[in-house]
Amino acid sequence: MARLATVLLRHETPSGGHFDWMLATPGGSPGAGLWTVRTDLAAAAWRGAGRWRLTRIADHRRQYLAYQGPLTGGRGSVRRVDAGWVRPWLWRSDEMIFDLMMSHCRGRVRVEQADADCWTAHWLEG
């Protein structure tokens, strides 16, 4: 399967900060949104954590693969802290397994839906 772009942005808001992890989806058109989750961990910590929590948020526009800077409406700003690609092995609406190649994180990851907007990522190997 083809490589799909991914990016991890540090999102600073008036109430604090977190990371937004965005992935292009298989078979998505050039204008398709990015599958997006929020996490408290930087990519460099994922392997050591072994398992980490993700919160599903609305798909984001593809421009965020390259955008850094202020956000409109008082939502703070974003800064790219890692980027790369994923190669999916399994991609379903409730579970994904993919090889991840980012500057600070490389290996196989499983992401599964736990409940509504709550997802869990598992480090598998690498």
PDB file of N, CA and C in Angstrom:
ATOM      1  N   MET A   1       0.846  -1.175   0.000  1.00  0.00           N
ATOM      2  CA  MET A   1       0.000   0.000   0.000  1.00  0.00           C
ATOM      3  C   MET A   1       0.893   1.240   0.000  1.00  0.00           C
ATOM      4  N   ALA A   2       0.370   2.316  -0.503  1.00  0.00           N
ATOM      5  CA  ALA A   2       1.129   3.554  -0.641  1.00  0.00           C
ATOM      6  C   ALA A   2       1.392   4.233   0.694  1.00  0.00           C
ATOM      7  N   ARG A   3       2.405   5.072   0.709  1.00  0.00           N
ATOM      8  CA  ARG A   3       2.693   5.894   1.878  1.00  0.00           C
ATOM      9  C   ARG A   3       1.693   7.038   1.965  1.00  0.00           C
ATOM     10  N   LEU A   4       1.306   7.357   3.188  1.00  0.00           N
ATOM     11  CA  LEU A   4       0.380   8.452   3.443  1.00  0.00           C
ATOM     12  C   LEU A   4       1.048   9.444   4.385  1.00  0.00           C
ATOM     13  N   ALA A   5       0.863  10.717   4.138  1.00  0.00           N
ATOM     14  CA  ALA A   5       1.495  11.762   4.943  1.00  0.00           C
ATOM     15  C   ALA A   5       0.922  11.799   6.355  1.00  0.00           C
ATOM     16  N   THR A   6       1.786  12.151   7.306  1.00  0.00           N
ATOM     17  CA  THR A   6       1.370  12.361   8.688  1.00  0.00           C
ATOM     18  C   THR A   6       2.159  13.524   9.270  1.00  0.00           C
ATOM     19  N   VAL A   7       1.552  14.216  10.219  1.00  0.00           N
ATOM     20  CA  VAL A   7       2.213  15.338  10.874  1.00  0.00           C
ATOM     21  C   VAL A   7       1.761  15.402  12.330  1.00  0.00           C
ATOM     22  N   LEU A   8       2.658  15.835  13.202  1.00  0.00           N
ATOM     23  CA  LEU A   8       2.333  16.066  14.602  1.00  0.00           C
ATOM     24  C   LEU A   8       2.582  17.541  14.875  1.00  0.00           C
ATOM     25  N   LEU A   9       1.526  18.229  15.287  1.00  0.00           N
ATOM     26  CA  LEU A   9       1.622  19.660  15.571  1.00  0.00           C
ATOM     27  C   LEU A   9       1.488  19.910  17.057  1.00  0.00           C
ATOM     28  N   ARG A  10       2.272  20.820  17.583  1.00  0.00           N
ATOM     29  CA  ARG A  10       2.101  21.301  18.951  1.00  0.00           C
ATOM     30  C   ARG A  10       1.102  22.448  18.872  1.00  0.00           C
ATOM     31  N   HIS A  11      -0.030  22.273  19.522  1.00  0.00           N
ATOM     32  CA  HIS A  11      -1.110  23.268  19.497  1.00  0.00           C
ATOM     33  C   HIS A  11      -1.125  23.992  20.838  1.00  0.00           C
ATOM     34  N   GLU A  12      -0.735  25.243  20.834  1.00  0.00           N
ATOM     35  CA  GLU A  12      -0.765  26.073  22.034  1.00  0.00           C
ATOM     36  C   GLU A  12      -2.060  26.870  22.024  1.00  0.00           C
ATOM     37  N   THR A  13      -2.828  26.744  23.090  1.00  0.00           N
ATOM     38  CA  THR A  13      -4.099  27.452  23.212  1.00  0.00           C
ATOM     39  C   THR A  13      -4.037  28.374  24.427  1.00  0.00           C
ATOM     40  N   PRO A  14      -4.989  29.293  24.553  1.00  0.00           N
ATOM     41  CA  PRO A  14      -5.005  30.157  25.732  1.00  0.00           C
ATOM     42  C   PRO A  14      -5.087  29.369  27.044  1.00  0.00           C
ATOM     43  N   SER A  15      -5.628  28.157  27.010  1.00  0.00           N
ATOM     44  CA  SER A  15      -5.773  27.367  28.241  1.00  0.00           C
ATOM     45  C   SER A  15      -4.689  26.302  28.407  1.00  0.00           C
ATOM     46  N   GLY A  16      -3.710  26.237  27.529  1.00  0.00           N
ATOM     47  CA  GLY A  16      -2.655  25.232  27.635  1.00  0.00           C
ATOM     48  C   GLY A  16      -2.277  24.675  26.273  1.00  0.00           C
ATOM     49  N   GLY A  17      -1.568  23.548  26.279  1.00  0.00           N
ATOM     50  CA  GLY A  17      -1.136  22.978  25.015  1.00  0.00           C
ATOM     51  C   GLY A  17      -1.325  21.475  24.956  1.00  0.00           C
ATOM     52  N   HIS A  18      -1.291  20.954  23.752  1.00  0.00           N
ATOM     53  CA  HIS A  18      -1.392  19.525  23.479  1.00  0.00           C
ATOM     54  C   HIS A  18      -0.831  19.296  22.079  1.00  0.00           C
ATOM     55  N   PHE A  19      -0.849  18.045  21.623  1.00  0.00           N
ATOM     56  CA  PHE A  19      -0.406  17.717  20.277  1.00  0.00           C
ATOM     57  C   PHE A  19      -1.606  17.279  19.440  1.00  0.00           C
ATOM     58  N   ASP A  20      -1.635  17.688  18.188  1.00  0.00           N
ATOM     59  CA  ASP A  20      -2.619  17.218  17.216  1.00  0.00           C
ATOM     60  C   ASP A  20      -1.882  16.355  16.211  1.00  0.00           C
ATOM     61  N   TRP A  21      -2.296  15.072  16.104  1.00  0.00           N
ATOM     62  CA  TRP A  21      -1.671  14.125  15.181  1.00  0.00           C
ATOM     63  C   TRP A  21      -2.632  13.927  14.020  1.00  0.00           C
ATOM     64  N   MET A  22      -2.157  14.179  12.812  1.00  0.00           N
ATOM     65  CA  MET A  22      -2.983  14.114  11.613  1.00  0.00           C
ATOM     66  C   MET A  22      -2.405  13.122  10.620  1.00  0.00           C
ATOM     67  N   LEU A  23      -3.301  12.338  10.016  1.00  0.00           N
ATOM     68  CA  LEU A  23      -2.898  11.345   9.032  1.00  0.00           C
ATOM     69  C   LEU A  23      -3.780  11.456   7.798  1.00  0.00           C
ATOM     70  N   ALA A  24      -3.153  11.411   6.625  1.00  0.00           N
ATOM     71  CA  ALA A  24      -3.909  11.281   5.385  1.00  0.00           C
ATOM     72  C   ALA A  24      -4.537   9.893   5.388  1.00  0.00           C
ATOM     73  N   THR A  25      -5.670   9.747   4.731  1.00  0.00           N
ATOM     74  CA  THR A  25      -6.377   8.464   4.737  1.00  0.00           C
ATOM     75  C   THR A  25      -6.229   7.738   3.397  1.00  0.00           C
ATOM     76  N   PRO A  26      -6.221   6.408   3.419  1.00  0.00           N
ATOM     77  CA  PRO A  26      -6.111   5.655   2.170  1.00  0.00           C
ATOM     78  C   PRO A  26      -7.278   5.974   1.238  1.00  0.00           C
ATOM     79  N   GLY A  27      -6.966   6.122  -0.011  1.00  0.00           N
ATOM     80  CA  GLY A  27      -7.996   6.355  -1.015  1.00  0.00           C
ATOM     81  C   GLY A  27      -8.623   7.729  -0.953  1.00  0.00           C
ATOM     82  N   GLY A  28      -8.101   8.584  -0.101  1.00  0.00           N
ATOM     83  CA  GLY A  28      -8.656   9.928   0.022  1.00  0.00           C
ATOM     84  C   GLY A  28      -8.330  10.779  -1.191  1.00  0.00           C
ATOM     85  N   SER A  29      -9.256  11.609  -1.593  1.00  0.00           N
ATOM     86  CA  SER A  29      -9.005  12.519  -2.700  1.00  0.00           C
ATOM     87  C   SER A  29      -8.044  13.607  -2.246  1.00  0.00           C
ATOM     88  N   PRO A  30      -7.425  14.329  -3.167  1.00  0.00           N
ATOM     89  CA  PRO A  30      -6.481  15.376  -2.787  1.00  0.00           C
ATOM     90  C   PRO A  30      -7.090  16.413  -1.835  1.00  0.00           C
ATOM     91  N   GLY A  31      -8.393  16.603  -1.860  1.00  0.00           N
ATOM     92  CA  GLY A  31      -9.036  17.566  -0.980  1.00  0.00           C
ATOM     93  C   GLY A  31      -9.604  16.957   0.287  1.00  0.00           C
ATOM     94  N   ALA A  32      -9.427  15.643   0.472  1.00  0.00           N
ATOM     95  CA  ALA A  32     -10.005  14.969   1.646  1.00  0.00           C
ATOM     96  C   ALA A  32      -9.339  15.459   2.924  1.00  0.00           C
ATOM     97  N   GLY A  33     -10.109  15.455   3.992  1.00  0.00           N
ATOM     98  CA  GLY A  33      -9.587  15.876   5.290  1.00  0.00           C
ATOM     99  C   GLY A  33      -8.610  14.870   5.868  1.00  0.00           C
ATOM    100  N   LEU A  34      -7.878  15.305   6.878  1.00  0.00           N
ATOM    101  CA  LEU A  34      -6.912  14.472   7.577  1.00  0.00           C
ATOM    102  C   LEU A  34      -7.551  13.888   8.826  1.00  0.00           C
ATOM    103  N   TRP A  35      -7.417  12.577   9.022  1.00  0.00           N
ATOM    104  CA  TRP A  35      -7.892  11.924  10.239  1.00  0.00           C
ATOM    105  C   TRP A  35      -7.070  12.513  11.374  1.00  0.00           C
ATOM    106  N   THR A  36      -7.734  13.054  12.407  1.00  0.00           N
ATOM    107  CA  THR A  36      -7.028  13.838  13.422  1.00  0.00           C
ATOM    108  C   THR A  36      -7.404  13.416  14.829  1.00  0.00           C
ATOM    109  N   VAL A  37      -6.372  13.310  15.682  1.00  0.00           N
ATOM    110  CA  VAL A  37      -6.554  13.021  17.101  1.00  0.00           C
ATOM    111  C   VAL A  37      -5.690  13.971  17.920  1.00  0.00           C
ATOM    112  N   ARG A  38      -6.080  14.146  19.159  1.00  0.00           N
ATOM    113  CA  ARG A  38      -5.326  14.944  20.130  1.00  0.00           C
ATOM    114  C   ARG A  38      -4.640  13.981  21.092  1.00  0.00           C
ATOM    115  N   THR A  39      -3.409  14.320  21.483  1.00  0.00           N
ATOM    116  CA  THR A  39      -2.672  13.525  22.453  1.00  0.00           C
ATOM    117  C   THR A  39      -1.822  14.438  23.326  1.00  0.00           C
ATOM    118  N   ASP A  40      -1.454  13.956  24.498  1.00  0.00           N
ATOM    119  CA  ASP A  40      -0.601  14.724  25.394  1.00  0.00           C
ATOM    120  C   ASP A  40       0.874  14.380  25.222  1.00  0.00           C
ATOM    121  N   LEU A  41       1.170  13.330  24.431  1.00  0.00           N
ATOM    122  CA  LEU A  41       2.551  12.861  24.285  1.00  0.00           C
ATOM    123  C   LEU A  41       3.170  13.282  22.958  1.00  0.00           C
ATOM    124  N   ALA A  42       4.416  13.702  23.025  1.00  0.00           N
ATOM    125  CA  ALA A  42       5.192  13.952  21.810  1.00  0.00           C
ATOM    126  C   ALA A  42       5.581  12.616  21.188  1.00  0.00           C
ATOM    127  N   ALA A  43       5.841  12.600  19.894  1.00  0.00           N
ATOM    128  CA  ALA A  43       6.167  11.360  19.188  1.00  0.00           C
ATOM    129  C   ALA A  43       7.386  10.656  19.772  1.00  0.00           C
ATOM    130  N   ALA A  44       8.347  11.396  20.273  1.00  0.00           N
ATOM    131  CA  ALA A  44       9.550  10.792  20.846  1.00  0.00           C
ATOM    132  C   ALA A  44       9.237   9.924  22.066  1.00  0.00           C
ATOM    133  N   ALA A  45       8.085  10.137  22.694  1.00  0.00           N
ATOM    134  CA  ALA A  45       7.701   9.379  23.892  1.00  0.00           C
ATOM    135  C   ALA A  45       6.804   8.181  23.585  1.00  0.00           C
ATOM    136  N   TRP A  46       6.326   8.032  22.372  1.00  0.00           N
ATOM    137  CA  TRP A  46       5.360   6.985  22.056  1.00  0.00           C
ATOM    138  C   TRP A  46       5.919   5.585  22.269  1.00  0.00           C
ATOM    139  N   ARG A  47       7.096   5.329  21.767  1.00  0.00           N
ATOM    140  CA  ARG A  47       7.678   3.981  21.892  1.00  0.00           C
ATOM    141  C   ARG A  47       7.856   3.602  23.361  1.00  0.00           C
ATOM    142  N   GLY A  48       8.397   4.506  24.156  1.00  0.00           N
ATOM    143  CA  GLY A  48       8.607   4.238  25.572  1.00  0.00           C
ATOM    144  C   GLY A  48       7.309   4.053  26.336  1.00  0.00           C
ATOM    145  N   ALA A  49       6.280   4.773  25.931  1.00  0.00           N
ATOM    146  CA  ALA A  49       4.980   4.651  26.602  1.00  0.00           C
ATOM    147  C   ALA A  49       4.358   3.291  26.310  1.00  0.00           C
ATOM    148  N   GLY A  50       4.559   2.783  25.101  1.00  0.00           N
ATOM    149  CA  GLY A  50       3.979   1.499  24.731  1.00  0.00           C
ATOM    150  C   GLY A  50       2.509   1.584  24.392  1.00  0.00           C
ATOM    151  N   ARG A  51       1.812   2.435  25.100  1.00  0.00           N
ATOM    152  CA  ARG A  51       0.370   2.622  24.898  1.00  0.00           C
ATOM    153  C   ARG A  51       0.048   4.047  25.330  1.00  0.00           C
ATOM    154  N   TRP A  52      -0.742   4.748  24.529  1.00  0.00           N
ATOM    155  CA  TRP A  52      -1.107   6.113  24.892  1.00  0.00           C
ATOM    156  C   TRP A  52      -2.502   6.440  24.378  1.00  0.00           C
ATOM    157  N   ARG A  53      -3.111   7.392  25.061  1.00  0.00           N
ATOM    158  CA  ARG A  53      -4.501   7.770  24.791  1.00  0.00           C
ATOM    159  C   ARG A  53      -4.573   8.831  23.698  1.00  0.00           C
ATOM    160  N   LEU A  54      -5.592   8.686  22.854  1.00  0.00           N
ATOM    161  CA  LEU A  54      -5.875   9.638  21.789  1.00  0.00           C
ATOM    162  C   LEU A  54      -7.332  10.073  21.898  1.00  0.00           C
ATOM    163  N   THR A  55      -7.591  11.310  21.588  1.00  0.00           N
ATOM    164  CA  THR A  55      -8.962  11.807  21.540  1.00  0.00           C
ATOM    165  C   THR A  55      -9.262  12.227  20.115  1.00  0.00           C
ATOM    166  N   ARG A  56     -10.237  11.586  19.521  1.00  0.00           N
ATOM    167  CA  ARG A  56     -10.600  11.887  18.126  1.00  0.00           C
ATOM    168  C   ARG A  56     -11.256  13.250  18.073  1.00  0.00           C
ATOM    169  N   ILE A  57     -10.769  14.086  17.171  1.00  0.00           N
ATOM    170  CA  ILE A  57     -11.368  15.393  16.925  1.00  0.00           C
ATOM    171  C   ILE A  57     -11.710  15.481  15.443  1.00  0.00           C
ATOM    172  N   ALA A  58     -12.319  16.563  15.040  1.00  0.00           N
ATOM    173  CA  ALA A  58     -12.766  16.702  13.652  1.00  0.00           C
ATOM    174  C   ALA A  58     -11.596  16.589  12.677  1.00  0.00           C
ATOM    175  N   ASP A  59     -11.883  16.018  11.505  1.00  0.00           N
ATOM    176  CA  ASP A  59     -10.874  15.991  10.449  1.00  0.00           C
ATOM    177  C   ASP A  59     -10.394  17.416  10.183  1.00  0.00           C
ATOM    178  N   HIS A  60      -9.105  17.540   9.887  1.00  0.00           N
ATOM    179  CA  HIS A  60      -8.517  18.842   9.603  1.00  0.00           C
ATOM    180  C   HIS A  60      -8.182  18.952   8.113  1.00  0.00           C
ATOM    181  N   ARG A  61      -8.085  20.167   7.641  1.00  0.00           N
ATOM    182  CA  ARG A  61      -7.747  20.413   6.233  1.00  0.00           C
ATOM    183  C   ARG A  61      -6.302  20.009   5.960  1.00  0.00           C
ATOM    184  N   ARG A  62      -6.064  19.585   4.731  1.00  0.00           N
ATOM    185  CA  ARG A  62      -4.734  19.124   4.320  1.00  0.00           C
ATOM    186  C   ARG A  62      -3.671  20.211   4.433  1.00  0.00           C
ATOM    187  N   GLN A  63      -4.069  21.447   4.469  1.00  0.00           N
ATOM    188  CA  GLN A  63      -3.087  22.522   4.590  1.00  0.00           C
ATOM    189  C   GLN A  63      -2.262  22.387   5.864  1.00  0.00           C
ATOM    190  N   TYR A  64      -2.800  21.690   6.885  1.00  0.00           N
ATOM    191  CA  TYR A  64      -2.071  21.530   8.139  1.00  0.00           C
ATOM    192  C   TYR A  64      -0.876  20.593   8.021  1.00  0.00           C
ATOM    193  N   LEU A  65      -0.746  19.889   6.899  1.00  0.00           N
ATOM    194  CA  LEU A  65       0.463  19.095   6.681  1.00  0.00           C
ATOM    195  C   LEU A  65       1.690  20.003   6.587  1.00  0.00           C
ATOM    196  N   ALA A  66       1.492  21.251   6.188  1.00  0.00           N
ATOM    197  CA  ALA A  66       2.606  22.184   6.028  1.00  0.00           C
ATOM    198  C   ALA A  66       2.457  23.461   6.861  1.00  0.00           C
ATOM    199  N   TYR A  67       1.268  23.759   7.360  1.00  0.00           N
ATOM    200  CA  TYR A  67       1.032  25.046   8.029  1.00  0.00           C
ATOM    201  C   TYR A  67       1.608  25.089   9.444  1.00  0.00           C
ATOM    202  N   GLN A  68       2.179  26.233   9.782  1.00  0.00           N
ATOM    203  CA  GLN A  68       2.587  26.568  11.140  1.00  0.00           C
ATOM    204  C   GLN A  68       2.236  28.034  11.346  1.00  0.00           C
ATOM    205  N   GLY A  69       1.745  28.358  12.532  1.00  0.00           N
ATOM    206  CA  GLY A  69       1.454  29.761  12.793  1.00  0.00           C
ATOM    207  C   GLY A  69       0.174  29.947  13.570  1.00  0.00           C
ATOM    208  N   PRO A  70      -0.321  31.186  13.590  1.00  0.00           N
ATOM    209  CA  PRO A  70      -1.513  31.508  14.372  1.00  0.00           C
ATOM    210  C   PRO A  70      -2.783  30.911  13.755  1.00  0.00           C
ATOM    211  N   LEU A  71      -3.755  30.625  14.620  1.00  0.00           N
ATOM    212  CA  LEU A  71      -5.057  30.121  14.184  1.00  0.00           C
ATOM    213  C   LEU A  71      -6.081  31.235  14.385  1.00  0.00           C
ATOM    214  N   THR A  72      -7.115  31.215  13.605  1.00  0.00           N
ATOM    215  CA  THR A  72      -8.157  32.234  13.717  1.00  0.00           C
ATOM    216  C   THR A  72      -9.047  31.981  14.929  1.00  0.00           C
ATOM    217  N   GLY A  73      -9.813  32.967  15.297  1.00  0.00           N
ATOM    218  CA  GLY A  73     -10.822  32.815  16.338  1.00  0.00           C
ATOM    219  C   GLY A  73     -10.264  32.618  17.735  1.00  0.00           C
ATOM    220  N   GLY A  74      -9.051  33.076  17.995  1.00  0.00           N
ATOM    221  CA  GLY A  74      -8.493  32.952  19.333  1.00  0.00           C
ATOM    222  C   GLY A  74      -8.169  31.527  19.744  1.00  0.00           C
ATOM    223  N   ARG A  75      -7.914  30.648  18.756  1.00  0.00           N
ATOM    224  CA  ARG A  75      -7.635  29.240  19.054  1.00  0.00           C
ATOM    225  C   ARG A  75      -6.158  28.953  19.267  1.00  0.00           C
ATOM    226  N   GLY A  76      -5.327  29.990  19.345  1.00  0.00           N
ATOM    227  CA  GLY A  76      -3.914  29.784  19.610  1.00  0.00           C
ATOM    228  C   GLY A  76      -3.081  29.679  18.352  1.00  0.00           C
ATOM    229  N   SER A  77      -2.075  28.816  18.400  1.00  0.00           N
ATOM    230  CA  SER A  77      -1.169  28.643  17.264  1.00  0.00           C
ATOM    231  C   SER A  77      -0.693  27.191  17.210  1.00  0.00           C
ATOM    232  N   VAL A  78      -0.164  26.807  16.049  1.00  0.00           N
ATOM    233  CA  VAL A  78       0.376  25.461  15.873  1.00  0.00           C
ATOM    234  C   VAL A  78       1.807  25.543  15.349  1.00  0.00           C
ATOM    235  N   ARG A  79       2.599  24.536  15.760  1.00  0.00           N
ATOM    236  CA  ARG A  79       3.996  24.423  15.333  1.00  0.00           C
ATOM    237  C   ARG A  79       4.272  22.958  15.038  1.00  0.00           C
ATOM    238  N   ARG A  80       4.834  22.688  13.862  1.00  0.00           N
ATOM    239  CA  ARG A  80       5.144  21.297  13.486  1.00  0.00           C
ATOM    240  C   ARG A  80       6.318  20.805  14.329  1.00  0.00           C
ATOM    241  N   VAL A  81       6.125  19.674  14.999  1.00  0.00           N
ATOM    242  CA  VAL A  81       7.187  19.100  15.815  1.00  0.00           C
ATOM    243  C   VAL A  81       7.665  17.762  15.263  1.00  0.00           C
ATOM    244  N   ASP A  82       6.911  17.177  14.345  1.00  0.00           N
ATOM    245  CA  ASP A  82       7.340  15.949  13.681  1.00  0.00           C
ATOM    246  C   ASP A  82       6.484  15.751  12.437  1.00  0.00           C
ATOM    247  N   ALA A  83       7.014  15.018  11.494  1.00  0.00           N
ATOM    248  CA  ALA A  83       6.286  14.731  10.252  1.00  0.00           C
ATOM    249  C   ALA A  83       6.896  13.510   9.600  1.00  0.00           C
ATOM    250  N   GLY A  84       6.175  12.931   8.670  1.00  0.00           N
ATOM    251  CA  GLY A  84       6.662  11.762   7.949  1.00  0.00           C
ATOM    252  C   GLY A  84       5.536  11.094   7.197  1.00  0.00           C
ATOM    253  N   TRP A  85       5.483   9.763   7.302  1.00  0.00           N
ATOM    254  CA  TRP A  85       4.471   9.007   6.576  1.00  0.00           C
ATOM    255  C   TRP A  85       4.097   7.749   7.338  1.00  0.00           C
ATOM    256  N   VAL A  86       2.967   7.198   6.944  1.00  0.00           N
ATOM    257  CA  VAL A  86       2.532   5.893   7.438  1.00  0.00           C
ATOM    258  C   VAL A  86       2.273   4.999   6.231  1.00  0.00           C
ATOM    259  N   ARG A  87       2.499   3.705   6.420  1.00  0.00           N
ATOM    260  CA  ARG A  87       2.151   2.699   5.404  1.00  0.00           C
ATOM    261  C   ARG A  87       1.157   1.748   6.061  1.00  0.00           C
ATOM    262  N   PRO A  88      -0.130   1.865   5.699  1.00  0.00           N
ATOM    263  CA  PRO A  88      -1.162   1.056   6.355  1.00  0.00           C
ATOM    264  C   PRO A  88      -1.082  -0.423   6.000  1.00  0.00           C
ATOM    265  N   TRP A  89      -1.328  -1.261   7.008  1.00  0.00           N
ATOM    266  CA  TRP A  89      -1.535  -2.693   6.844  1.00  0.00           C
ATOM    267  C   TRP A  89      -3.014  -3.009   6.989  1.00  0.00           C
ATOM    268  N   LEU A  90      -3.666  -2.262   7.880  1.00  0.00           N
ATOM    269  CA  LEU A  90      -5.101  -2.410   8.122  1.00  0.00           C
ATOM    270  C   LEU A  90      -5.648  -1.016   8.366  1.00  0.00           C
ATOM    271  N   TRP A  91      -6.764  -0.692   7.721  1.00  0.00           N
ATOM    272  CA  TRP A  91      -7.368   0.624   7.933  1.00  0.00           C
ATOM    273  C   TRP A  91      -8.884   0.461   7.899  1.00  0.00           C
ATOM    274  N   ARG A  92      -9.460   0.412   9.102  1.00  0.00           N
ATOM    275  CA  ARG A  92     -10.909   0.318   9.234  1.00  0.00           C
ATOM    276  C   ARG A  92     -11.394   1.526  10.029  1.00  0.00           C
ATOM    277  N   SER A  93     -12.692   1.683  10.114  1.00  0.00           N
ATOM    278  CA  SER A  93     -13.235   2.839  10.832  1.00  0.00           C
ATOM    279  C   SER A  93     -12.963   2.792  12.328  1.00  0.00           C
ATOM    280  N   ASP A  94     -12.683   1.602  12.887  1.00  0.00           N
ATOM    281  CA  ASP A  94     -12.462   1.477  14.329  1.00  0.00           C
ATOM    282  C   ASP A  94     -11.081   0.938  14.704  1.00  0.00           C
ATOM    283  N   GLU A  95     -10.241   0.642  13.710  1.00  0.00           N
ATOM    284  CA  GLU A  95      -8.914   0.102  14.001  1.00  0.00           C
ATOM    285  C   GLU A  95      -7.981   0.307  12.811  1.00  0.00           C
ATOM    286  N   MET A  96      -6.738   0.649  13.109  1.00  0.00           N
ATOM    287  CA  MET A  96      -5.713   0.831  12.085  1.00  0.00           C
ATOM    288  C   MET A  96      -4.412   0.214  12.574  1.00  0.00           C
ATOM    289  N   ILE A  97      -3.691  -0.402  11.663  1.00  0.00           N
ATOM    290  CA  ILE A  97      -2.337  -0.865  11.937  1.00  0.00           C
ATOM    291  C   ILE A  97      -1.475  -0.334  10.802  1.00  0.00           C
ATOM    292  N   PHE A  98      -0.373   0.319  11.153  1.00  0.00           N
ATOM    293  CA  PHE A  98       0.472   0.896  10.115  1.00  0.00           C
ATOM    294  C   PHE A  98       1.918   1.000  10.579  1.00  0.00           C
ATOM    295  N   ASP A  99       2.809   1.022   9.583  1.00  0.00           N
ATOM    296  CA  ASP A  99       4.208   1.338   9.827  1.00  0.00           C
ATOM    297  C   ASP A  99       4.301   2.852   9.839  1.00  0.00           C
ATOM    298  N   LEU A 100       4.967   3.376  10.848  1.00  0.00           N
ATOM    299  CA  LEU A 100       5.090   4.812  11.050  1.00  0.00           C
ATOM    300  C   LEU A 100       6.544   5.215  10.875  1.00  0.00           C
ATOM    301  N   MET A 101       6.783   6.212  10.039  1.00  0.00           N
ATOM    302  CA  MET A 101       8.135   6.744   9.830  1.00  0.00           C
ATOM    303  C   MET A 101       8.075   8.255  10.025  1.00  0.00           C
ATOM    304  N   MET A 102       8.500   8.688  11.217  1.00  0.00           N
ATOM    305  CA  MET A 102       8.589  10.114  11.512  1.00  0.00           C
ATOM    306  C   MET A 102      10.018  10.384  11.993  1.00  0.00           C
ATOM    307  N   SER A 103      10.390  11.622  12.078  1.00  0.00           N
ATOM    308  CA  SER A 103      11.746  11.959  12.512  1.00  0.00           C
ATOM    309  C   SER A 103      12.056  11.429  13.905  1.00  0.00           C
ATOM    310  N   HIS A 104      11.081  11.497  14.818  1.00  0.00           N
ATOM    311  CA  HIS A 104      11.313  11.113  16.209  1.00  0.00           C
ATOM    312  C   HIS A 104      10.648   9.798  16.608  1.00  0.00           C
ATOM    313  N   CYS A 105      10.092   9.085  15.637  1.00  0.00           N
ATOM    314  CA  CYS A 105       9.348   7.875  15.974  1.00  0.00           C
ATOM    315  C   CYS A 105       9.231   6.986  14.736  1.00  0.00           C
ATOM    316  N   ARG A 106       9.707   5.740  14.855  1.00  0.00           N
ATOM    317  CA  ARG A 106       9.633   4.793  13.737  1.00  0.00           C
ATOM    318  C   ARG A 106       9.276   3.420  14.257  1.00  0.00           C
ATOM    319  N   GLY A 107       8.247   2.818  13.680  1.00  0.00           N
ATOM    320  CA  GLY A 107       7.858   1.479  14.079  1.00  0.00           C
ATOM    321  C   GLY A 107       6.438   1.169  13.662  1.00  0.00           C
ATOM    322  N   ARG A 108       5.942   0.043  14.124  1.00  0.00           N
ATOM    323  CA  ARG A 108       4.575  -0.376  13.806  1.00  0.00           C
ATOM    324  C   ARG A 108       3.654  -0.015  14.964  1.00  0.00           C
ATOM    325  N   VAL A 109       2.509   0.573  14.614  1.00  0.00           N
ATOM    326  CA  VAL A 109       1.557   1.080  15.597  1.00  0.00           C
ATOM    327  C   VAL A 109       0.163   0.551  15.283  1.00  0.00           C
ATOM    328  N   ARG A 110      -0.565   0.251  16.333  1.00  0.00           N
ATOM    329  CA  ARG A 110      -1.981  -0.122  16.211  1.00  0.00           C
ATOM    330  C   ARG A 110      -2.789   0.955  16.922  1.00  0.00           C
ATOM    331  N   VAL A 111      -3.802   1.476  16.264  1.00  0.00           N
ATOM    332  CA  VAL A 111      -4.688   2.488  16.839  1.00  0.00           C
ATOM    333  C   VAL A 111      -6.090   1.907  16.803  1.00  0.00           C
ATOM    334  N   GLU A 112      -6.754   1.885  17.974  1.00  0.00           N
ATOM    335  CA  GLU A 112      -8.101   1.307  18.013  1.00  0.00           C
ATOM    336  C   GLU A 112      -9.045   2.192  18.805  1.00  0.00           C
ATOM    337  N   GLN A 113     -10.284   2.160  18.384  1.00  0.00           N
ATOM    338  CA  GLN A 113     -11.317   2.930  19.063  1.00  0.00           C
ATOM    339  C   GLN A 113     -11.735   2.206  20.327  1.00  0.00           C
ATOM    340  N   ALA A 114     -11.701   2.932  21.442  1.00  0.00           N
ATOM    341  CA  ALA A 114     -12.111   2.358  22.722  1.00  0.00           C
ATOM    342  C   ALA A 114     -13.568   2.685  23.006  1.00  0.00           C
ATOM    343  N   ASP A 115     -13.957   3.944  22.768  1.00  0.00           N
ATOM    344  CA  ASP A 115     -15.315   4.373  23.063  1.00  0.00           C
ATOM    345  C   ASP A 115     -15.528   5.754  22.462  1.00  0.00           C
ATOM    346  N   ALA A 116     -16.532   5.926  21.668  1.00  0.00           N
ATOM    347  CA  ALA A 116     -16.885   7.214  21.047  1.00  0.00           C
ATOM    348  C   ALA A 116     -15.638   7.913  20.507  1.00  0.00           C
ATOM    349  N   ASP A 117     -15.213   9.011  21.138  1.00  0.00           N
ATOM    350  CA  ASP A 117     -14.058   9.768  20.668  1.00  0.00           C
ATOM    351  C   ASP A 117     -12.755   9.333  21.325  1.00  0.00           C
ATOM    352  N   CYS A 118     -12.790   8.329  22.179  1.00  0.00           N
ATOM    353  CA  CYS A 118     -11.606   7.846  22.889  1.00  0.00           C
ATOM    354  C   CYS A 118     -10.949   6.711  22.095  1.00  0.00           C
ATOM    355  N   TRP A 119      -9.689   6.873  21.768  1.00  0.00           N
ATOM    356  CA  TRP A 119      -8.920   5.891  21.032  1.00  0.00           C
ATOM    357  C   TRP A 119      -7.657   5.559  21.825  1.00  0.00           C
ATOM    358  N   THR A 120      -7.062   4.417  21.538  1.00  0.00           N
ATOM    359  CA  THR A 120      -5.819   4.017  22.179  1.00  0.00           C
ATOM    360  C   THR A 120      -4.834   3.615  21.098  1.00  0.00           C
ATOM    361  N   ALA A 121      -3.596   4.086  21.238  1.00  0.00           N
ATOM    362  CA  ALA A 121      -2.512   3.679  20.339  1.00  0.00           C
ATOM    363  C   ALA A 121      -1.625   2.706  21.090  1.00  0.00           C
ATOM    364  N   HIS A 122      -1.154   1.676  20.378  1.00  0.00           N
ATOM    365  CA  HIS A 122      -0.286   0.644  20.956  1.00  0.00           C
ATOM    366  C   HIS A 122       0.967   0.542  20.106  1.00  0.00           C
ATOM    367  N   TRP A 123       2.120   0.568  20.746  1.00  0.00           N
ATOM    368  CA  TRP A 123       3.371   0.331  20.039  1.00  0.00           C
ATOM    369  C   TRP A 123       3.491  -1.167  19.827  1.00  0.00           C
ATOM    370  N   LEU A 124       3.642  -1.618  18.588  1.00  0.00           N
ATOM    371  CA  LEU A 124       3.721  -3.041  18.308  1.00  0.00           C
ATOM    372  C   LEU A 124       5.162  -3.519  18.136  1.00  0.00           C
ATOM    373  N   GLU A 125       5.940  -2.826  17.352  1.00  0.00           N
ATOM    374  CA  GLU A 125       7.327  -3.224  17.121  1.00  0.00           C
ATOM    375  C   GLU A 125       8.081  -2.113  16.420  1.00  0.00           C
ATOM    376  N   GLY A 126       9.393  -2.251  16.434  1.00  0.00           N
ATOM    377  CA  GLY A 126      10.227  -1.286  15.716  1.00  0.00           C
ATOM    378  C   GLY A 126      11.231  -0.623  16.602  1.00  0.00           C
TER     379      GLY A 126
END
